Protein backbone atom coordinates (compact mmCIF):
# COMPACT_ATOMS: atom_id res chain seq x y z
CA MET A 1 -6.33 -10.39 -24.61
CA ALA A 2 -3.99 -7.99 -26.66
CA GLU A 3 -5.38 -5.11 -28.74
CA ARG A 4 -3.06 -2.97 -30.94
CA HIS A 5 -3.95 0.85 -31.35
CA MET A 6 -2.89 2.64 -34.22
CA SER A 7 -2.11 6.32 -34.41
CA VAL A 8 -0.07 8.80 -36.46
CA ALA A 9 2.78 8.40 -33.86
CA ASN A 10 3.86 5.15 -32.31
CA ALA A 11 1.66 1.88 -32.06
CA ARG A 12 0.76 1.02 -28.56
CA TRP A 13 -0.49 -2.46 -27.53
CA GLN A 14 -2.64 -2.99 -24.25
CA ILE A 15 -2.68 -6.28 -22.49
CA ARG A 16 -5.70 -7.39 -20.32
CA ALA A 17 -5.46 -10.33 -18.20
CA GLU A 18 -6.93 -12.02 -15.10
CA ARG A 19 -5.09 -13.45 -12.43
CA PRO A 20 -6.43 -17.06 -12.20
CA ALA A 21 -7.18 -18.62 -8.71
CA ASP A 22 -8.73 -22.07 -8.85
CA TYR A 23 -8.04 -24.62 -6.38
CA ASP A 24 -9.66 -27.11 -3.96
CA ILE A 25 -9.43 -27.18 -0.10
CA VAL A 26 -10.41 -30.89 0.75
CA GLU A 27 -11.04 -32.11 4.26
CA THR A 28 -9.88 -36.06 4.13
CA GLU A 29 -8.87 -38.46 6.62
CA GLY A 30 -5.81 -40.82 6.72
CA ILE A 31 -4.05 -38.31 4.02
CA PHE A 32 -1.01 -41.15 3.73
CA ASP A 33 -3.44 -44.20 3.62
CA VAL A 34 -2.36 -46.04 0.51
CA ARG A 35 -5.89 -46.10 -0.23
CA ASN A 36 -6.04 -42.30 -0.53
CA PRO A 37 -5.65 -41.08 -4.02
CA LEU A 38 -5.39 -37.26 -3.52
CA LEU A 39 -1.54 -37.22 -3.75
CA LEU A 40 -1.74 -39.06 -7.18
CA THR A 41 -2.30 -37.62 -10.68
CA PRO A 42 -4.32 -40.41 -12.33
CA ASN A 43 -4.78 -38.31 -15.70
CA ALA A 44 -1.07 -38.20 -16.08
CA PRO A 45 0.54 -41.49 -16.68
CA GLY A 46 4.23 -41.68 -15.90
CA ALA A 47 3.95 -38.74 -13.25
CA ASN A 48 5.89 -41.09 -11.09
CA ARG A 49 8.07 -38.30 -9.22
CA ARG A 50 7.19 -35.94 -6.31
CA PHE A 51 9.52 -33.53 -4.49
CA VAL A 52 8.27 -33.02 -0.90
CA VAL A 53 9.04 -30.38 1.46
CA LEU A 54 8.76 -31.96 5.07
CA ASP A 55 8.52 -30.33 8.43
CA ALA A 56 11.80 -31.99 10.25
CA GLY A 57 9.52 -31.87 13.57
CA ILE A 58 6.80 -33.99 12.33
CA PRO A 59 6.31 -37.12 14.36
CA ARG A 60 8.09 -40.08 12.90
CA HIS A 61 5.08 -42.20 12.15
CA HIS A 62 3.56 -39.82 9.83
CA ALA A 63 7.05 -39.37 7.88
CA ALA A 64 7.43 -43.07 7.77
CA ALA A 65 3.47 -43.17 6.65
CA LEU A 66 4.52 -40.77 3.90
CA GLU A 67 7.56 -42.81 2.55
CA ARG A 68 5.31 -45.98 2.48
CA TYR A 69 2.85 -44.06 0.61
CA PHE A 70 5.06 -43.05 -2.29
CA GLU A 71 6.61 -46.64 -2.21
CA CYS A 72 3.57 -48.54 -2.52
CA HIS A 73 2.55 -46.49 -5.56
CA GLY A 74 5.65 -46.77 -7.47
CA ILE A 75 6.35 -43.03 -7.02
CA ARG A 76 9.97 -41.88 -6.65
CA ALA A 77 10.00 -39.27 -3.42
CA GLN A 78 12.72 -36.89 -3.07
CA ILE A 79 12.14 -35.61 0.49
CA LEU A 80 13.71 -32.49 1.86
CA ARG A 81 13.46 -32.25 5.86
CA LEU A 82 13.78 -28.68 7.10
CA PRO A 83 13.45 -27.06 10.68
CA ALA A 84 10.27 -25.18 11.06
CA GLY A 85 9.65 -21.77 13.31
CA GLU A 86 9.64 -18.18 12.34
CA GLN A 87 13.57 -18.04 12.70
CA ASN A 88 13.87 -20.15 9.73
CA LYS A 89 11.20 -18.25 7.46
CA ASN A 90 14.19 -16.74 5.46
CA LEU A 91 16.05 -16.25 2.58
CA GLN A 92 18.36 -19.31 3.50
CA THR A 93 15.62 -21.74 3.68
CA TYR A 94 14.22 -20.45 0.31
CA LEU A 95 17.49 -21.15 -1.32
CA THR A 96 17.87 -24.32 0.15
CA ILE A 97 14.64 -25.74 -1.63
CA GLN A 98 15.45 -23.99 -4.84
CA ARG A 99 18.95 -25.71 -4.92
CA ALA A 100 17.41 -29.25 -3.96
CA LEU A 101 14.53 -28.42 -6.87
CA ASP A 102 17.21 -27.84 -9.18
CA ALA A 103 18.87 -31.34 -8.39
CA PHE A 104 15.92 -33.44 -8.66
CA PRO A 105 14.05 -33.60 -12.37
CA PHE A 106 10.46 -33.60 -12.33
CA HIS A 107 7.73 -32.63 -14.97
CA ARG A 108 6.92 -28.97 -14.56
CA ARG A 109 2.87 -29.34 -14.75
CA ASP A 110 1.94 -32.73 -13.60
CA GLU A 111 4.41 -33.57 -10.74
CA PRO A 112 3.53 -31.25 -8.08
CA ILE A 113 5.65 -29.92 -5.18
CA ILE A 114 3.98 -31.58 -2.02
CA VAL A 115 4.44 -29.37 1.41
CA VAL A 116 3.63 -31.10 4.68
CA GLY A 117 4.41 -28.59 7.34
CA GLY A 118 3.07 -25.62 9.57
CA GLY A 119 2.70 -22.09 8.29
CA VAL A 120 6.15 -21.15 7.81
CA LEU A 121 7.20 -24.35 5.49
CA CYS A 122 3.66 -23.65 3.48
CA ASP A 123 4.82 -19.93 2.94
CA VAL A 124 8.08 -20.40 2.06
CA ALA A 125 7.91 -23.49 -0.07
CA GLY A 126 4.99 -22.14 -1.74
CA PHE A 127 6.97 -19.09 -2.90
CA ALA A 128 9.79 -21.36 -3.97
CA ALA A 129 7.20 -23.05 -5.90
CA SER A 130 6.07 -19.97 -7.67
CA CYS A 131 9.41 -19.03 -8.54
CA PHE A 132 11.10 -22.14 -9.66
CA ARG A 133 10.73 -22.49 -13.52
CA ARG A 134 8.51 -19.44 -13.16
CA GLY A 135 6.01 -21.48 -11.70
CA VAL A 136 5.21 -25.05 -10.64
CA PRO A 137 2.18 -26.37 -8.92
CA HIS A 138 2.32 -27.52 -5.23
CA ILE A 139 0.02 -29.03 -2.43
CA ARG A 140 -0.24 -27.97 0.98
CA ILE A 141 -0.78 -30.16 3.87
CA PRO A 142 -0.95 -28.36 6.89
CA THR A 143 0.10 -29.83 10.14
CA THR A 144 -0.50 -27.18 12.29
CA LEU A 145 -3.68 -25.66 13.98
CA MET A 146 -2.21 -22.26 12.65
CA ALA A 147 -1.84 -23.50 9.14
CA TYR A 148 -4.92 -25.30 8.96
CA VAL A 149 -7.37 -22.44 9.69
CA ASP A 150 -5.11 -19.83 8.23
CA ALA A 151 -1.81 -19.98 6.38
CA ALA A 152 -2.54 -23.05 4.06
CA VAL A 153 -6.08 -22.05 2.82
CA GLY A 154 -5.01 -18.65 1.19
CA VAL A 155 -2.73 -17.68 -1.46
CA LYS A 156 0.20 -15.66 0.28
CA THR A 157 3.34 -17.09 0.10
CA GLY A 158 6.91 -15.33 1.05
CA PHE A 159 9.56 -15.09 3.74
CA ASN A 160 11.00 -12.49 6.00
CA PHE A 161 13.64 -10.22 4.97
CA ASP A 162 15.95 -7.70 6.45
CA GLU A 163 14.30 -7.54 9.74
CA HIS A 164 10.55 -7.27 8.09
CA LYS A 165 8.11 -9.95 8.12
CA ASN A 166 6.77 -11.30 5.01
CA ARG A 167 8.60 -8.68 3.08
CA ILE A 168 9.33 -11.05 0.06
CA GLY A 169 6.47 -12.96 -1.24
CA SER A 170 3.74 -13.35 -3.77
CA PHE A 171 0.19 -14.51 -4.38
CA THR A 172 0.63 -18.00 -5.27
CA PRO A 173 -2.63 -20.32 -5.28
CA PRO A 174 -1.87 -24.03 -4.68
CA LEU A 175 -3.07 -26.73 -6.71
CA ARG A 176 -5.12 -28.06 -3.64
CA VAL A 177 -5.05 -28.13 0.18
CA LEU A 178 -5.44 -31.21 1.70
CA LEU A 179 -6.71 -30.90 5.45
CA ASP A 180 -6.55 -33.91 8.00
CA ARG A 181 -6.97 -33.37 11.43
CA GLN A 182 -4.88 -36.43 12.42
CA PHE A 183 -1.93 -34.02 12.62
CA LEU A 184 -3.32 -31.74 15.36
CA ASP A 185 -3.23 -34.67 17.87
CA SER A 186 0.57 -34.70 18.28
CA LEU A 187 0.72 -30.84 18.85
CA PRO A 188 1.88 -29.48 21.99
CA ARG A 189 -0.90 -27.51 23.98
CA ARG A 190 0.93 -24.08 23.26
CA HIS A 191 0.80 -24.58 19.63
CA ILE A 192 -2.81 -25.61 19.73
CA LEU A 193 -3.54 -22.30 21.60
CA ASN A 194 -1.41 -20.79 18.97
CA GLY A 195 -3.76 -21.71 16.25
CA VAL A 196 -7.05 -20.89 18.51
CA CYS A 197 -5.93 -17.19 18.52
CA GLU A 198 -6.57 -17.08 14.65
CA ILE A 199 -10.02 -18.73 15.20
CA LEU A 200 -10.54 -16.07 17.76
CA LYS A 201 -9.77 -13.58 15.45
CA LEU A 202 -12.52 -14.53 12.99
CA ALA A 203 -15.12 -14.92 15.83
CA ILE A 204 -14.59 -11.63 17.42
CA ILE A 205 -14.70 -9.40 14.12
CA LYS A 206 -16.89 -11.50 12.00
CA ASP A 207 -18.79 -14.48 13.26
CA ALA A 208 -20.83 -14.18 16.57
CA ALA A 209 -22.13 -17.59 15.99
CA LEU A 210 -18.55 -19.02 15.96
CA PHE A 211 -17.94 -16.85 19.00
CA ALA A 212 -20.64 -18.54 20.72
CA ARG A 213 -19.44 -22.08 19.70
CA LEU A 214 -16.24 -21.48 21.36
CA GLU A 215 -17.68 -20.18 24.44
CA ALA A 216 -19.77 -23.42 24.72
CA HIS A 217 -17.14 -25.90 23.48
CA GLY A 218 -13.88 -24.21 22.70
CA ALA A 219 -12.31 -25.61 26.12
CA GLY A 220 -13.32 -29.29 25.03
CA CYS A 221 -11.98 -28.77 21.57
CA ILE A 222 -8.54 -27.69 22.94
CA ALA A 223 -8.49 -30.80 25.55
CA SER A 224 -9.17 -33.07 22.48
CA ARG A 225 -6.65 -31.24 20.28
CA PHE A 226 -9.62 -30.84 17.82
CA GLN A 227 -10.36 -34.47 17.40
CA ASP A 228 -13.82 -34.60 18.66
CA THR A 229 -17.31 -33.91 16.59
CA GLN A 230 -17.53 -30.26 17.97
CA SER A 231 -13.84 -29.61 16.84
CA ARG A 232 -14.76 -30.46 13.17
CA LEU A 233 -17.58 -27.87 13.26
CA VAL A 234 -15.43 -25.33 14.77
CA LEU A 235 -12.61 -25.73 12.32
CA ASN A 236 -15.05 -25.92 9.51
CA GLN A 237 -16.84 -22.83 10.55
CA ALA A 238 -13.47 -20.87 10.72
CA ILE A 239 -12.24 -21.81 7.46
CA ASP A 240 -15.95 -20.80 6.09
CA GLY A 241 -15.33 -17.40 7.73
CA MET A 242 -11.73 -17.01 6.50
CA LEU A 243 -12.52 -17.92 2.73
CA ALA A 244 -15.94 -15.61 2.92
CA GLU A 245 -13.37 -12.78 3.52
CA LEU A 246 -10.35 -13.79 1.45
CA ALA A 247 -12.15 -15.14 -1.68
CA PRO A 248 -13.64 -11.96 -2.99
CA ASN A 249 -10.33 -10.14 -2.08
CA LEU A 250 -7.99 -12.78 -2.86
CA PHE A 251 -4.99 -10.52 -4.12
CA GLU A 252 -5.84 -7.74 -1.92
CA ASP A 253 -7.29 -5.32 -4.28
CA GLU A 254 -9.42 -3.85 -1.11
CA LEU A 255 -6.62 -3.05 1.60
CA ALA A 256 -9.25 -2.55 4.43
CA ARG A 257 -9.34 -6.18 5.52
CA ALA A 258 -11.42 -7.53 8.65
CA VAL A 259 -8.90 -10.52 8.69
CA ASP A 260 -6.14 -8.12 9.58
CA PHE A 261 -7.64 -7.65 13.21
CA GLY A 262 -4.66 -8.63 15.43
CA HIS A 263 -2.21 -8.28 12.71
CA THR A 264 -1.23 -4.48 12.93
CA LEU A 265 0.81 -3.95 16.04
CA SER A 266 1.63 -7.57 16.43
CA TYR A 267 4.35 -7.54 13.45
CA GLY A 268 6.80 -5.63 15.51
CA LEU A 269 6.66 -7.80 18.71
CA GLU A 270 6.61 -11.11 16.97
CA HIS A 271 9.69 -10.39 14.76
CA ILE A 272 11.83 -9.48 17.50
CA ARG A 273 11.02 -11.82 20.04
CA SER A 274 12.18 -15.55 18.96
CA ASP A 275 10.08 -16.93 22.01
CA LEU A 276 6.82 -15.46 20.89
CA LEU A 277 4.75 -17.48 18.24
CA HIS A 278 2.37 -15.73 15.90
CA GLY A 279 -0.77 -16.43 17.51
CA GLU A 280 0.60 -15.21 20.65
CA ALA A 281 1.63 -11.68 19.23
CA VAL A 282 -1.73 -11.55 17.70
CA LEU A 283 -3.42 -11.97 20.90
CA LEU A 284 -1.50 -9.06 22.54
CA ASP A 285 -2.63 -7.18 19.57
CA MET A 286 -6.20 -8.23 19.97
CA VAL A 287 -6.06 -7.27 23.67
CA ILE A 288 -4.64 -3.96 22.96
CA SER A 289 -7.18 -3.48 19.93
CA THR A 290 -10.23 -4.29 22.25
CA PHE A 291 -8.86 -1.83 24.94
CA ILE A 292 -8.82 0.87 22.25
CA ALA A 293 -12.07 0.18 20.94
CA ARG A 294 -13.40 0.24 24.35
CA ARG A 295 -11.72 3.42 25.26
CA ARG A 296 -13.30 4.96 21.97
CA HIS A 297 -16.77 3.84 23.11
CA LEU A 298 -16.89 1.75 20.02
CA LEU A 299 -17.24 -1.55 21.72
CA PRO A 300 -19.94 -1.89 24.65
CA GLU A 301 -18.95 -3.03 27.90
CA ALA A 302 -20.70 -6.49 27.71
CA ASP A 303 -19.05 -7.27 24.57
CA ALA A 304 -15.57 -6.42 25.88
CA THR A 305 -16.27 -8.63 28.79
CA ARG A 306 -17.23 -11.52 26.66
CA ILE A 307 -14.15 -11.37 24.56
CA LEU A 308 -11.73 -11.10 27.56
CA HIS A 309 -13.39 -13.90 29.44
CA LEU A 310 -13.42 -16.04 26.38
CA PHE A 311 -9.42 -15.99 26.59
CA ASP A 312 -9.84 -17.18 30.15
CA THR A 313 -12.23 -19.85 29.55
CA LEU A 314 -9.71 -21.09 26.69
CA GLY A 315 -6.81 -20.94 29.19
CA ILE A 316 -5.36 -18.34 26.88
CA VAL A 317 -3.24 -15.95 28.93
CA PRO A 318 -1.71 -12.60 26.98
CA GLN A 319 1.90 -12.52 27.77
CA THR A 320 1.96 -8.92 28.68
CA VAL A 321 5.71 -8.88 29.59
CA HIS A 322 6.24 -8.90 25.37
CA LEU A 323 4.41 -5.56 24.91
CA ASP A 324 6.64 -2.95 23.65
CA ILE A 325 5.18 0.54 23.02
CA GLU A 326 7.78 1.89 20.45
CA ARG A 327 7.89 -1.60 18.52
CA MET A 328 3.88 -1.51 18.36
CA TRP A 329 3.82 2.04 17.11
CA GLN A 330 6.64 1.54 14.51
CA SER A 331 4.70 -1.55 13.59
CA LEU A 332 1.67 0.67 12.93
CA HIS A 333 3.59 2.99 10.73
CA GLU A 334 4.85 -0.03 8.87
CA ARG A 335 1.54 -1.37 8.22
CA THR A 336 0.44 1.94 7.10
CA GLU A 337 2.74 1.97 4.65
CA HIS A 338 1.82 -1.60 3.36
CA ARG A 339 -1.86 -0.49 3.34
CA ASN A 340 -1.10 2.38 1.06
CA GLY A 341 -0.84 5.12 3.35
CA LEU A 342 -3.83 4.56 5.48
CA GLN A 343 -3.83 2.75 8.97
CA ARG A 344 -6.96 0.86 7.96
CA VAL A 345 -6.75 -0.81 11.34
CA PRO A 346 -9.99 -3.17 12.45
CA LEU A 347 -11.38 -2.74 15.65
CA PRO A 348 -14.10 -4.77 17.19
CA ALA A 349 -17.32 -2.86 17.26
CA SER A 350 -19.31 -5.83 19.09
CA VAL A 351 -18.93 -9.40 19.01
CA GLY A 352 -19.20 -10.70 15.26
CA GLN A 353 -18.49 -7.10 13.78
CA CYS A 354 -15.67 -4.45 13.41
CA VAL A 355 -14.94 -1.06 12.12
CA PHE A 356 -11.92 0.48 10.83
CA VAL A 357 -9.91 3.43 12.00
CA ASN A 358 -7.04 5.59 10.55
CA ASP A 359 -6.35 7.74 13.44
CA ILE A 360 -4.78 5.58 16.24
CA THR A 361 -2.04 7.54 18.25
CA ARG A 362 1.05 6.52 20.22
CA ASP A 363 -0.90 7.86 23.25
CA GLU A 364 -3.61 5.36 22.60
CA ILE A 365 -1.13 2.45 22.30
CA GLU A 366 0.73 3.62 25.39
CA MET A 367 -2.39 4.03 27.53
CA ALA A 368 -3.64 0.55 26.50
CA VAL A 369 -0.18 -0.96 27.08
CA ARG A 370 0.15 0.59 30.63
CA SER A 371 -3.44 -0.49 31.26
CA VAL A 372 -3.49 -4.21 30.56
CA MET A 373 -0.04 -4.85 31.83
CA ASN A 374 -1.30 -6.63 35.25
CA HIS A 375 -4.78 -7.29 34.33
CA PRO A 376 -6.42 -6.56 31.01
CA VAL A 377 -9.73 -7.53 31.90
CA ARG A 378 -10.01 -5.40 35.06
CA ALA A 379 -8.29 -2.39 32.97
CA ILE A 380 -11.05 -2.58 30.31
CA LEU A 381 -13.81 -2.76 32.43
CA GLU A 382 -13.02 -0.32 35.03
CA SER A 383 -11.55 2.37 32.77
CA PRO A 384 -13.98 4.80 31.68
CA PRO A 385 -14.52 5.04 28.16
CA GLU A 386 -13.49 8.10 26.13
CA ARG A 387 -15.05 9.16 22.94
CA ARG A 388 -13.04 9.74 20.13
CA SER A 389 -13.75 10.13 16.48
CA ALA A 390 -13.25 7.16 14.32
């Protein structure tokens, strides 16, 4: 809405608008089964083209099924295969997508871009879609556990730039997100555990019931690659928790976010280590944050024990060799700027609850790192808590 204000001096127009965000997240099976209509646009006759960004590492049978799907429905598909991985989350990948889009004519509104891949491709291709012709719709089909419960369901897009993670990006709602657990069945165990770390994040800071479910069934979910009945309940509960945090604050007007647990110190570690996955860096951050919370007497000993024992139960081992005090301290400074001048670091206060602090010191980080290098559980349980103001 625009309003014109008259005065003796110059005219002034004031624009008021709300940023729309309206999209569906749909759990489905057999997404590339020709009987599944979710990739079609039935209300747009003649919408028979699709530009597809496809993870080059996706198993051959999935790629073949995708091609058969479009062929069966008479859709001309331009498939751009791109390598995944954090090292490809960059300007070059973004430009590769833009050049391919520019060479493939398609309708701006009713022939959506389809992104089939993990978090990196969802982020970069989503940003490319938000920029091409000032915005074209896109559909996300996550193929990793990390993307399934985190990257694909929100509205963040972007890529890394000039040694900074996610420095260039936008808030871009997808047209829809299609969740199919079949893709998780072919993931290596390391990538399953990578995604489990994001589920743990939610369980620790906001959902004690999810935490208990992981204690009881998490190991089985991992063993089945999230294909059994309990796995479906865990995934849906994790997405419920994520969306409960994201939906009221989709564009991050409020910068104190519980879902930033594990995402403060980890940025500096992940971006400099090509051999450290996102969830693995988040895990290190969660361990250090748990220790700081315990030392501050914010987190009861019993809860600290449960948190760290759950890591052990699930077979998740923090790669403490990657801990770097200076990088983590620098990352805290960078996140403080990102959060408008305050640290706003979520620390666990119990299983399922968190508090925000703004005064973490370098000495605290150093003390935590030195204590967890050899055995994080013993370090937390045997170190006497020290009272500090939050």
